[in-house]
Amino acid sequence: MVKHIVMWKVEDHEKHGKKQEIMLKMKEQLEALKGEIEGLLEIEVGFNFNPAEAAYDVALYSVLKSKEALEHYQNHPKHLQVANELVRQVATHRVVADYEI
């Protein structure tokens, strides 16, 4: 199995709204991918409450069957739609970690 963790910093956006609205949209759209993409076993999106400058706003935690399933997820049209039409437009910073267990 593979764990895929991503964190983003986001800001208000002219098209997508205020930061809090954006964060809710990200959670809703990303978590809606569960059951839609083969190999995606779990997906969870949470919001940071740590006030530190180094903290990120949104965290995604997901579990996939394999490295191949991760690649399939990353290239799946439904994932790309969320990534291209929302996340990449609103994120100012992004970090990611992928590891096998």
Protein backbone atom coordinates (compact mmCIF):
# COMPACT_ATOMS: atom_id res chain seq x y z
CA MET A 1 0.00 0.00 0.00
CA VAL A 2 0.98 3.61 -0.58
CA LYS A 3 0.28 6.65 1.56
CA HIS A 4 -0.06 9.92 -0.39
CA ILE A 5 0.02 13.09 1.71
CA VAL A 6 -0.30 16.60 0.28
CA MET A 7 -0.52 19.97 2.01
CA TRP A 8 -1.39 23.34 0.51
CA LYS A 9 -1.39 26.97 1.50
CA VAL A 10 -4.31 28.85 -0.03
CA GLU A 11 -5.48 32.43 -0.18
CA ASP A 12 -8.60 34.31 -1.22
CA HIS A 13 -9.15 33.98 -4.97
CA GLU A 14 -11.08 36.25 -7.33
CA LYS A 15 -12.90 33.37 -9.03
CA HIS A 16 -13.16 30.82 -6.20
CA GLY A 17 -13.95 33.06 -3.23
CA LYS A 18 -12.67 33.53 0.28
CA LYS A 19 -10.04 31.24 1.79
CA GLN A 20 -12.53 29.38 4.03
CA GLU A 21 -14.91 28.79 1.10
CA ILE A 22 -12.02 27.51 -1.00
CA MET A 23 -10.93 25.10 1.72
CA LEU A 24 -14.45 23.68 1.97
CA LYS A 25 -14.63 23.28 -1.83
CA MET A 26 -11.30 21.46 -1.82
CA LYS A 27 -12.46 19.07 0.90
CA GLU A 28 -15.79 18.39 -0.80
CA GLN A 29 -14.35 17.82 -4.27
CA LEU A 30 -11.33 15.78 -3.22
CA GLU A 31 -13.23 13.53 -0.82
CA ALA A 32 -15.85 12.96 -3.54
CA LEU A 33 -13.17 11.03 -5.46
CA LYS A 34 -13.50 8.09 -3.04
CA GLY A 35 -15.23 5.26 -4.85
CA GLU A 36 -14.69 6.97 -8.21
CA ILE A 37 -11.08 5.96 -8.86
CA GLU A 38 -9.95 2.35 -8.79
CA GLY A 39 -7.15 1.75 -6.31
CA LEU A 40 -7.99 4.75 -4.10
CA LEU A 41 -8.84 3.13 -0.78
CA GLU A 42 -9.09 6.12 1.56
CA ILE A 43 -9.05 9.88 1.18
CA GLU A 44 -9.43 12.50 3.89
CA VAL A 45 -9.02 16.27 3.83
CA GLY A 46 -8.49 18.30 6.99
CA PHE A 47 -7.95 21.93 7.93
CA ASN A 48 -5.05 23.22 9.97
CA PHE A 49 -5.60 24.95 13.31
CA ASN A 50 -1.91 25.53 14.13
CA PRO A 51 -1.15 29.27 13.92
CA ALA A 52 2.57 28.80 13.12
CA GLU A 53 3.96 30.57 10.06
CA ALA A 54 5.28 27.22 8.76
CA ALA A 55 1.84 25.57 8.94
CA TYR A 56 -0.13 24.74 5.81
CA ASP A 57 -3.89 25.34 5.50
CA VAL A 58 -5.21 22.11 3.98
CA ALA A 59 -3.93 18.55 4.32
CA LEU A 60 -4.89 15.55 2.19
CA TYR A 61 -4.25 12.03 3.47
CA SER A 62 -4.92 9.14 1.14
CA VAL A 63 -4.21 5.43 0.91
CA LEU A 64 -3.83 3.64 -2.40
CA LYS A 65 -3.31 -0.01 -3.29
CA SER A 66 0.10 0.45 -4.94
CA LYS A 67 2.48 2.82 -6.71
CA GLU A 68 0.63 1.98 -9.92
CA ALA A 69 -2.67 2.91 -8.26
CA LEU A 70 -1.14 6.24 -7.21
CA GLU A 71 -0.07 6.92 -10.79
CA HIS A 72 -3.56 5.94 -12.01
CA TYR A 73 -5.15 8.30 -9.43
CA GLN A 74 -2.86 11.19 -10.37
CA ASN A 75 -3.69 10.84 -14.07
CA HIS A 76 -7.38 10.02 -13.70
CA PRO A 77 -9.69 12.56 -15.43
CA LYS A 78 -11.77 13.11 -12.28
CA HIS A 79 -8.68 13.88 -10.20
CA LEU A 80 -7.25 16.11 -12.91
CA GLN A 81 -10.52 18.03 -13.10
CA VAL A 82 -10.36 18.90 -9.38
CA ALA A 83 -6.63 19.62 -9.59
CA ASN A 84 -6.81 21.84 -12.67
CA GLU A 85 -10.13 23.59 -12.10
CA LEU A 86 -9.68 24.34 -8.40
CA VAL A 87 -6.60 23.26 -6.47
CA ARG A 88 -3.86 24.50 -8.81
CA GLN A 89 -5.69 27.81 -9.22
CA VAL A 90 -5.94 28.55 -5.49
CA ALA A 91 -2.82 26.97 -3.98
CA THR A 92 0.09 29.29 -3.32
CA HIS A 93 2.36 26.54 -1.94
CA ARG A 94 2.28 22.74 -2.01
CA VAL A 95 4.27 19.94 -0.39
CA VAL A 96 3.86 16.22 -0.92
CA ALA A 97 5.13 12.92 0.49
CA ASP A 98 4.49 9.45 -0.89
CA TYR A 99 5.64 6.28 0.86
CA GLU A 100 5.00 2.55 0.84
CA ILE A 101 3.94 0.54 3.84
